[in-house]
N, C-alpha and C. Protein backbone atom coordinates (compact mmCIF):
# COMPACT_ATOMS: atom_id res chain seq x y z
N MET A 1 -55.89 -99.40 14.54
CA MET A 1 -56.69 -98.34 15.10
C MET A 1 -55.92 -97.02 14.95
N PRO A 2 -56.62 -95.96 14.47
CA PRO A 2 -55.92 -94.68 14.26
C PRO A 2 -55.56 -94.03 15.60
N LYS A 3 -54.46 -93.32 15.55
CA LYS A 3 -53.97 -92.64 16.75
C LYS A 3 -54.57 -91.22 16.82
N VAL A 4 -55.08 -90.82 17.98
CA VAL A 4 -55.64 -89.48 18.18
C VAL A 4 -54.49 -88.55 18.53
N ILE A 5 -54.32 -87.50 17.72
CA ILE A 5 -53.21 -86.58 17.94
C ILE A 5 -53.60 -85.44 18.88
N SER A 6 -54.77 -84.86 18.71
CA SER A 6 -55.19 -83.79 19.61
C SER A 6 -56.70 -83.80 19.77
N ARG A 7 -57.13 -83.21 20.81
CA ARG A 7 -58.56 -83.10 21.07
C ARG A 7 -58.91 -81.61 21.23
N SER A 8 -58.72 -80.84 20.19
CA SER A 8 -58.99 -79.40 20.26
C SER A 8 -60.38 -79.09 19.74
N VAL A 9 -60.91 -77.99 20.20
CA VAL A 9 -62.23 -77.54 19.79
C VAL A 9 -62.04 -76.48 18.71
N VAL A 10 -62.79 -76.61 17.64
CA VAL A 10 -62.73 -75.65 16.54
C VAL A 10 -63.85 -74.64 16.72
N SER A 11 -63.49 -73.37 16.62
CA SER A 11 -64.52 -72.34 16.71
C SER A 11 -64.34 -71.38 15.54
N ALA A 12 -65.41 -70.73 15.15
CA ALA A 12 -65.38 -69.79 14.04
C ALA A 12 -65.79 -68.41 14.53
N SER A 13 -65.44 -67.40 13.74
CA SER A 13 -65.76 -66.03 14.14
C SER A 13 -67.26 -65.77 14.13
N ASN A 14 -68.03 -66.58 13.43
CA ASN A 14 -69.48 -66.36 13.41
C ASN A 14 -70.15 -66.86 14.69
N ASP A 15 -69.36 -67.39 15.63
CA ASP A 15 -69.91 -67.82 16.91
C ASP A 15 -70.02 -66.67 17.90
N GLN A 16 -69.59 -65.45 17.52
CA GLN A 16 -69.65 -64.31 18.42
C GLN A 16 -71.10 -63.98 18.72
N ASP A 17 -71.32 -63.49 19.93
CA ASP A 17 -72.69 -63.08 20.24
C ASP A 17 -72.99 -61.73 19.59
N ASP A 18 -74.26 -61.39 19.54
CA ASP A 18 -74.70 -60.18 18.85
C ASP A 18 -74.15 -58.90 19.48
N ALA A 19 -73.92 -58.91 20.78
CA ALA A 19 -73.42 -57.70 21.44
C ALA A 19 -72.03 -57.34 20.94
N GLN A 20 -71.19 -58.34 20.68
CA GLN A 20 -69.85 -58.06 20.17
C GLN A 20 -69.91 -57.58 18.73
N ARG A 21 -70.78 -58.12 17.93
CA ARG A 21 -70.88 -57.73 16.53
C ARG A 21 -71.47 -56.34 16.36
N ALA A 22 -72.29 -55.90 17.30
CA ALA A 22 -72.97 -54.61 17.17
C ALA A 22 -72.04 -53.42 17.38
N HIS A 23 -70.92 -53.61 18.07
CA HIS A 23 -70.02 -52.51 18.38
C HIS A 23 -68.61 -52.80 17.87
N PRO A 24 -68.38 -52.63 16.57
CA PRO A 24 -67.04 -52.87 16.06
C PRO A 24 -66.11 -51.72 16.43
N LEU A 25 -64.84 -51.98 16.41
CA LEU A 25 -63.86 -50.93 16.64
C LEU A 25 -63.54 -50.26 15.31
N HIS A 26 -63.32 -48.96 15.35
CA HIS A 26 -62.99 -48.19 14.16
C HIS A 26 -61.51 -47.83 14.22
N VAL A 27 -60.80 -48.05 13.12
CA VAL A 27 -59.37 -47.79 13.06
C VAL A 27 -59.13 -46.58 12.17
N PHE A 28 -58.22 -45.70 12.60
CA PHE A 28 -57.91 -44.48 11.85
C PHE A 28 -56.41 -44.36 11.67
N TYR A 29 -56.03 -43.82 10.51
CA TYR A 29 -54.64 -43.72 10.11
C TYR A 29 -54.27 -42.27 9.83
N CYS A 30 -52.98 -41.98 9.95
CA CYS A 30 -52.44 -40.69 9.56
C CYS A 30 -52.40 -40.61 8.03
N CYS A 31 -52.14 -39.44 7.50
CA CYS A 31 -52.02 -39.27 6.04
C CYS A 31 -50.91 -40.15 5.46
N CYS A 32 -49.87 -40.42 6.26
CA CYS A 32 -48.74 -41.22 5.79
C CYS A 32 -49.04 -42.72 5.81
N GLY A 33 -50.17 -43.12 6.39
CA GLY A 33 -50.54 -44.53 6.44
C GLY A 33 -50.28 -45.20 7.78
N GLU A 34 -49.69 -44.47 8.72
CA GLU A 34 -49.39 -45.03 10.05
C GLU A 34 -50.66 -45.15 10.88
N PHE A 35 -50.83 -46.28 11.57
CA PHE A 35 -51.96 -46.47 12.49
C PHE A 35 -51.82 -45.48 13.64
N VAL A 36 -52.88 -44.72 13.92
CA VAL A 36 -52.84 -43.72 14.99
C VAL A 36 -53.91 -43.94 16.05
N LEU A 37 -55.13 -44.30 15.66
CA LEU A 37 -56.23 -44.34 16.61
C LEU A 37 -57.13 -45.53 16.36
N VAL A 38 -57.55 -46.19 17.43
CA VAL A 38 -58.62 -47.18 17.37
C VAL A 38 -59.64 -46.72 18.41
N CYS A 39 -60.91 -46.71 18.00
CA CYS A 39 -61.96 -46.13 18.84
C CYS A 39 -63.25 -46.94 18.70
N ASP A 40 -64.10 -46.84 19.70
CA ASP A 40 -65.36 -47.57 19.67
C ASP A 40 -66.45 -46.87 18.87
N VAL A 41 -66.16 -45.70 18.31
CA VAL A 41 -67.14 -44.96 17.52
C VAL A 41 -66.43 -44.29 16.35
N ASP A 42 -67.16 -44.06 15.27
CA ASP A 42 -66.61 -43.37 14.11
C ASP A 42 -66.40 -41.89 14.47
N LEU A 43 -65.36 -41.28 13.92
CA LEU A 43 -65.09 -39.88 14.22
C LEU A 43 -66.25 -38.97 13.83
N ALA A 44 -66.94 -39.30 12.76
CA ALA A 44 -68.06 -38.47 12.29
C ALA A 44 -69.19 -38.41 13.32
N ALA A 45 -69.28 -39.40 14.20
CA ALA A 45 -70.34 -39.44 15.20
C ALA A 45 -69.97 -38.70 16.48
N LEU A 46 -68.73 -38.23 16.58
CA LEU A 46 -68.29 -37.55 17.80
C LEU A 46 -68.70 -36.08 17.78
N PRO A 47 -68.87 -35.49 18.97
CA PRO A 47 -69.14 -34.05 19.01
C PRO A 47 -67.90 -33.27 18.58
N ARG A 48 -68.11 -32.03 18.15
CA ARG A 48 -67.02 -31.17 17.70
C ARG A 48 -66.79 -30.05 18.71
N ARG A 49 -65.55 -29.63 18.84
CA ARG A 49 -65.21 -28.50 19.69
C ARG A 49 -65.42 -27.22 18.88
N PRO A 50 -66.21 -26.28 19.37
CA PRO A 50 -66.52 -25.09 18.58
C PRO A 50 -65.30 -24.21 18.27
N LEU A 51 -64.29 -24.20 19.15
CA LEU A 51 -63.13 -23.33 18.94
C LEU A 51 -62.34 -23.66 17.68
N ASP A 52 -62.09 -24.94 17.44
CA ASP A 52 -61.26 -25.32 16.29
C ASP A 52 -61.85 -26.46 15.48
N ASP A 53 -63.07 -26.85 15.76
CA ASP A 53 -63.78 -27.89 15.02
C ASP A 53 -63.12 -29.27 15.14
N SER A 54 -62.33 -29.48 16.20
CA SER A 54 -61.71 -30.79 16.40
C SER A 54 -62.73 -31.76 17.01
N TYR A 55 -62.46 -33.05 16.83
CA TYR A 55 -63.33 -34.10 17.38
C TYR A 55 -63.04 -34.26 18.87
N VAL A 56 -64.08 -34.47 19.67
CA VAL A 56 -63.94 -34.56 21.12
C VAL A 56 -64.15 -36.00 21.57
N LEU A 57 -63.12 -36.58 22.17
CA LEU A 57 -63.20 -37.91 22.77
C LEU A 57 -63.24 -37.75 24.28
N ARG A 58 -64.29 -38.22 24.90
CA ARG A 58 -64.42 -38.14 26.36
C ARG A 58 -63.54 -39.23 26.99
N CYS A 59 -62.66 -38.82 27.91
CA CYS A 59 -61.74 -39.77 28.56
C CYS A 59 -62.29 -40.32 29.87
N LEU A 60 -63.11 -39.53 30.55
CA LEU A 60 -63.64 -39.92 31.86
C LEU A 60 -65.16 -39.87 31.84
N ASP A 61 -65.80 -40.73 32.61
CA ASP A 61 -67.25 -40.67 32.75
C ASP A 61 -67.64 -39.34 33.39
N SER A 62 -68.75 -38.77 32.95
CA SER A 62 -69.22 -37.52 33.54
C SER A 62 -69.98 -37.84 34.83
N PRO A 63 -70.08 -36.86 35.74
CA PRO A 63 -70.92 -37.09 36.92
C PRO A 63 -72.39 -37.16 36.50
N ARG A 64 -73.19 -37.78 37.31
CA ARG A 64 -74.62 -37.90 37.00
C ARG A 64 -75.29 -36.54 37.10
N ASP A 65 -76.18 -36.26 36.14
CA ASP A 65 -76.93 -35.00 36.19
C ASP A 65 -78.20 -35.18 37.03
N GLU A 66 -79.07 -34.17 37.03
CA GLU A 66 -80.27 -34.23 37.87
C GLU A 66 -81.22 -35.34 37.46
N ASN A 67 -81.14 -35.80 36.21
CA ASN A 67 -81.98 -36.91 35.74
C ASN A 67 -81.34 -38.28 35.98
N GLY A 68 -80.14 -38.28 36.54
CA GLY A 68 -79.44 -39.53 36.79
C GLY A 68 -78.67 -40.05 35.59
N LYS A 69 -78.59 -39.24 34.52
CA LYS A 69 -77.86 -39.68 33.33
C LYS A 69 -76.38 -39.38 33.47
N MET A 70 -75.58 -40.25 32.88
CA MET A 70 -74.14 -40.10 32.92
C MET A 70 -73.60 -40.37 31.53
N ARG A 71 -72.69 -39.52 31.06
CA ARG A 71 -72.05 -39.76 29.76
C ARG A 71 -70.84 -40.64 29.98
N LYS A 72 -70.82 -41.76 29.27
CA LYS A 72 -69.73 -42.73 29.42
C LYS A 72 -68.50 -42.28 28.64
N ALA A 73 -67.35 -42.64 29.14
CA ALA A 73 -66.10 -42.37 28.45
C ALA A 73 -66.00 -43.24 27.21
N ARG A 74 -65.35 -42.74 26.20
CA ARG A 74 -65.11 -43.50 24.98
C ARG A 74 -63.96 -44.47 25.21
N ILE A 75 -64.01 -45.58 24.51
CA ILE A 75 -62.92 -46.55 24.57
C ILE A 75 -62.05 -46.30 23.36
N PHE A 76 -60.80 -45.92 23.60
CA PHE A 76 -59.90 -45.64 22.48
C PHE A 76 -58.45 -45.81 22.89
N LYS A 77 -57.61 -45.98 21.89
CA LYS A 77 -56.17 -46.12 22.08
C LYS A 77 -55.49 -45.28 21.02
N ILE A 78 -54.54 -44.45 21.43
CA ILE A 78 -53.82 -43.58 20.50
C ILE A 78 -52.37 -44.03 20.41
N ASN A 79 -51.88 -44.15 19.19
CA ASN A 79 -50.49 -44.49 18.93
C ASN A 79 -49.81 -43.24 18.38
N ALA A 80 -49.28 -42.40 19.28
CA ALA A 80 -48.66 -41.15 18.87
C ALA A 80 -47.66 -40.70 19.93
N LYS A 81 -46.79 -39.76 19.54
CA LYS A 81 -45.78 -39.22 20.46
C LYS A 81 -46.28 -37.90 21.03
N GLN A 82 -46.07 -37.71 22.33
CA GLN A 82 -46.40 -36.42 22.94
C GLN A 82 -45.13 -35.60 23.07
N ARG A 83 -45.29 -34.28 22.96
CA ARG A 83 -44.15 -33.37 23.08
C ARG A 83 -44.47 -32.26 24.07
N ASP A 84 -43.57 -31.27 24.10
CA ASP A 84 -43.76 -30.13 24.97
C ASP A 84 -45.04 -29.38 24.59
N PRO A 85 -45.66 -28.70 25.55
CA PRO A 85 -46.91 -27.99 25.27
C PRO A 85 -46.71 -26.79 24.35
N VAL A 86 -47.79 -26.41 23.67
CA VAL A 86 -47.82 -25.25 22.79
C VAL A 86 -48.82 -24.28 23.39
N LEU A 87 -48.47 -22.99 23.44
CA LEU A 87 -49.37 -21.98 23.96
C LEU A 87 -49.99 -21.24 22.77
N LEU A 88 -51.32 -21.31 22.65
CA LEU A 88 -52.03 -20.68 21.54
C LEU A 88 -52.80 -19.46 22.02
N LYS A 89 -52.84 -18.43 21.17
CA LYS A 89 -53.68 -17.28 21.46
C LYS A 89 -54.89 -17.36 20.55
N ARG A 90 -56.06 -17.46 21.13
CA ARG A 90 -57.31 -17.59 20.39
C ARG A 90 -57.75 -16.21 19.87
N PRO A 91 -58.63 -16.19 18.84
CA PRO A 91 -59.09 -14.91 18.29
C PRO A 91 -59.76 -13.99 19.32
N ASP A 92 -60.34 -14.57 20.36
CA ASP A 92 -60.98 -13.74 21.38
C ASP A 92 -59.98 -13.19 22.41
N GLY A 93 -58.68 -13.50 22.22
CA GLY A 93 -57.65 -13.01 23.11
C GLY A 93 -57.27 -13.96 24.23
N SER A 94 -58.01 -15.04 24.41
CA SER A 94 -57.70 -16.00 25.47
C SER A 94 -56.51 -16.88 25.07
N LEU A 95 -55.84 -17.40 26.07
CA LEU A 95 -54.70 -18.29 25.84
C LEU A 95 -55.09 -19.72 26.18
N GLU A 96 -54.55 -20.66 25.41
CA GLU A 96 -54.82 -22.07 25.67
C GLU A 96 -53.51 -22.85 25.53
N ARG A 97 -53.24 -23.68 26.52
CA ARG A 97 -52.07 -24.55 26.46
C ARG A 97 -52.52 -25.90 25.93
N GLN A 98 -51.88 -26.34 24.84
CA GLN A 98 -52.21 -27.63 24.23
C GLN A 98 -51.02 -28.58 24.37
N TYR A 99 -51.30 -29.76 24.87
CA TYR A 99 -50.31 -30.82 24.93
C TYR A 99 -50.56 -31.70 23.72
N ARG A 100 -49.85 -31.42 22.65
CA ARG A 100 -50.12 -32.06 21.37
C ARG A 100 -49.47 -33.43 21.28
N PHE A 101 -50.04 -34.26 20.41
CA PHE A 101 -49.41 -35.52 20.07
C PHE A 101 -49.33 -35.63 18.56
N TYR A 102 -48.26 -36.29 18.13
CA TYR A 102 -47.86 -36.32 16.73
C TYR A 102 -47.75 -37.75 16.23
N CYS A 103 -47.94 -37.91 14.93
CA CYS A 103 -47.76 -39.22 14.29
C CYS A 103 -46.35 -39.71 14.57
N SER A 104 -46.21 -40.95 14.93
CA SER A 104 -44.90 -41.49 15.27
C SER A 104 -44.01 -41.70 14.05
N ARG A 105 -44.59 -41.70 12.85
CA ARG A 105 -43.79 -41.87 11.64
C ARG A 105 -43.44 -40.54 10.98
N CYS A 106 -44.45 -39.71 10.68
CA CYS A 106 -44.20 -38.50 9.88
C CYS A 106 -44.21 -37.21 10.70
N GLU A 107 -44.51 -37.29 11.99
CA GLU A 107 -44.47 -36.15 12.90
C GLU A 107 -45.56 -35.09 12.65
N LEU A 108 -46.60 -35.41 11.90
CA LEU A 108 -47.71 -34.47 11.72
C LEU A 108 -48.54 -34.43 13.01
N PRO A 109 -49.04 -33.25 13.40
CA PRO A 109 -49.91 -33.21 14.59
C PRO A 109 -51.24 -33.89 14.29
N VAL A 110 -51.69 -34.73 15.22
CA VAL A 110 -52.95 -35.45 15.03
C VAL A 110 -53.98 -35.10 16.11
N GLY A 111 -53.55 -34.52 17.22
CA GLY A 111 -54.49 -34.18 18.27
C GLY A 111 -53.80 -33.52 19.44
N TYR A 112 -54.58 -33.26 20.49
CA TYR A 112 -54.03 -32.62 21.67
C TYR A 112 -54.95 -32.83 22.86
N GLU A 113 -54.41 -32.50 24.03
CA GLU A 113 -55.18 -32.47 25.27
C GLU A 113 -54.90 -31.14 25.95
N ALA A 114 -55.78 -30.72 26.82
CA ALA A 114 -55.59 -29.48 27.56
C ALA A 114 -54.95 -29.74 28.92
N THR A 115 -54.69 -30.99 29.24
CA THR A 115 -54.08 -31.36 30.52
C THR A 115 -52.71 -31.99 30.27
N PRO A 116 -51.80 -31.87 31.23
CA PRO A 116 -50.46 -32.44 31.04
C PRO A 116 -50.50 -33.96 30.93
N PRO A 117 -49.43 -34.55 30.33
CA PRO A 117 -49.37 -36.01 30.20
C PRO A 117 -49.46 -36.67 31.56
N PRO A 118 -49.83 -37.92 31.62
CA PRO A 118 -49.95 -38.90 30.54
C PRO A 118 -51.24 -38.73 29.74
N LEU A 119 -51.24 -39.33 28.57
CA LEU A 119 -52.39 -39.29 27.68
C LEU A 119 -53.62 -39.86 28.37
N LYS A 120 -54.78 -39.28 28.11
CA LYS A 120 -56.07 -39.69 28.67
C LYS A 120 -56.18 -39.41 30.17
N SER A 121 -55.36 -38.49 30.70
CA SER A 121 -55.45 -38.16 32.12
C SER A 121 -56.47 -37.06 32.39
N GLY A 122 -56.85 -36.31 31.36
CA GLY A 122 -57.83 -35.24 31.52
C GLY A 122 -59.22 -35.70 31.13
N GLN A 123 -60.13 -34.75 31.09
CA GLN A 123 -61.52 -35.06 30.76
C GLN A 123 -61.71 -35.38 29.28
N TYR A 124 -60.98 -34.66 28.41
CA TYR A 124 -61.18 -34.83 26.97
C TYR A 124 -59.85 -34.98 26.24
N THR A 125 -59.91 -35.67 25.11
CA THR A 125 -58.82 -35.72 24.13
C THR A 125 -59.42 -35.20 22.83
N TYR A 126 -58.68 -34.35 22.15
CA TYR A 126 -59.17 -33.74 20.92
C TYR A 126 -58.38 -34.26 19.73
N ILE A 127 -59.08 -34.65 18.68
CA ILE A 127 -58.46 -35.10 17.43
C ILE A 127 -58.64 -33.99 16.41
N LEU A 128 -57.56 -33.54 15.82
CA LEU A 128 -57.62 -32.43 14.87
C LEU A 128 -58.41 -32.80 13.63
N LYS A 129 -59.19 -31.86 13.16
CA LYS A 129 -60.00 -32.06 11.95
C LYS A 129 -59.06 -32.25 10.76
N GLY A 130 -59.31 -33.27 9.98
CA GLY A 130 -58.51 -33.53 8.78
C GLY A 130 -57.20 -34.24 9.03
N ALA A 131 -56.95 -34.68 10.26
CA ALA A 131 -55.67 -35.33 10.57
C ALA A 131 -55.70 -36.83 10.31
N LEU A 132 -56.87 -37.47 10.44
CA LEU A 132 -56.94 -38.92 10.34
C LEU A 132 -57.93 -39.37 9.28
N THR A 133 -57.68 -40.55 8.75
CA THR A 133 -58.56 -41.15 7.75
C THR A 133 -58.86 -42.59 8.14
N SER A 134 -60.00 -43.08 7.71
CA SER A 134 -60.36 -44.47 8.02
C SER A 134 -59.82 -45.44 6.98
N VAL A 135 -59.31 -44.93 5.86
CA VAL A 135 -58.75 -45.77 4.80
C VAL A 135 -57.25 -45.52 4.73
N GLN A 136 -56.48 -46.55 4.99
CA GLN A 136 -55.03 -46.41 5.03
C GLN A 136 -54.49 -46.00 3.67
N GLY A 137 -53.62 -44.98 3.65
CA GLY A 137 -52.99 -44.54 2.42
C GLY A 137 -53.82 -43.55 1.62
N ARG A 138 -54.99 -43.17 2.12
CA ARG A 138 -55.83 -42.21 1.41
C ARG A 138 -55.95 -40.93 2.24
N ARG A 139 -55.92 -39.80 1.58
CA ARG A 139 -56.01 -38.50 2.25
C ARG A 139 -57.39 -38.36 2.90
N PRO A 140 -57.45 -37.82 4.13
CA PRO A 140 -58.75 -37.59 4.76
C PRO A 140 -59.58 -36.62 3.93
N PRO A 141 -60.89 -36.82 3.84
CA PRO A 141 -61.71 -35.95 2.99
C PRO A 141 -61.70 -34.49 3.43
N ASP A 142 -61.52 -34.22 4.72
CA ASP A 142 -61.53 -32.83 5.19
C ASP A 142 -60.13 -32.31 5.52
N ALA A 143 -59.10 -32.92 4.93
CA ALA A 143 -57.72 -32.56 5.25
C ALA A 143 -57.37 -31.14 4.82
N PHE A 144 -57.83 -30.72 3.67
CA PHE A 144 -57.45 -29.40 3.16
C PHE A 144 -58.65 -28.47 3.03
N GLU A 145 -59.70 -28.70 3.81
CA GLU A 145 -60.90 -27.86 3.74
C GLU A 145 -60.60 -26.41 4.03
N ASP A 146 -59.84 -26.13 5.08
CA ASP A 146 -59.55 -24.75 5.44
C ASP A 146 -58.73 -24.05 4.37
N LEU A 147 -57.79 -24.76 3.76
CA LEU A 147 -56.97 -24.16 2.71
C LEU A 147 -57.80 -23.85 1.48
N GLU A 148 -58.71 -24.74 1.11
CA GLU A 148 -59.53 -24.54 -0.07
C GLU A 148 -60.47 -23.35 0.10
N SER A 149 -60.95 -23.13 1.32
CA SER A 149 -61.86 -22.00 1.55
C SER A 149 -61.12 -20.67 1.53
N ARG A 150 -59.80 -20.67 1.73
CA ARG A 150 -59.01 -19.44 1.72
C ARG A 150 -58.46 -19.10 0.34
N GLN A 151 -58.56 -20.00 -0.61
CA GLN A 151 -58.03 -19.77 -1.95
C GLN A 151 -58.82 -18.66 -2.64
N PRO A 152 -58.11 -17.75 -3.34
CA PRO A 152 -58.83 -16.72 -4.09
C PRO A 152 -59.58 -17.35 -5.26
N ALA A 153 -60.73 -16.80 -5.58
CA ALA A 153 -61.57 -17.36 -6.64
C ALA A 153 -61.10 -17.00 -8.02
């Protein structure tokens, strides 16, 4: 009579329910190929900040409005180093303090917050336009957009 070694259950990834399959996580990399961000939505679907065209990630749920609607916080994780704040002077003369975070490998700036650390302690986290790509080792499509528009014809 054969000897039974284990009684384990085999499962496959296609056993996931539809709710899990409908919301995949999106992974983003720095220009150098380092993993920087994982998020529940593609960057292209996020709202943009009018001041610098950066992507806006909501960190906290919004209060309910008069219709009872509430904007949910995004689910995301950032792998980056935070440093001392930078004080920027905007074209309209206003000042803004940015608590930037940088790629842990190449030290390029990838985003910032307007509130002091820890990360995700404020209402929003901003991802700089052209800082991240969804394909590892490939330059983001909008990485040099501003430079190309300033080139003389």
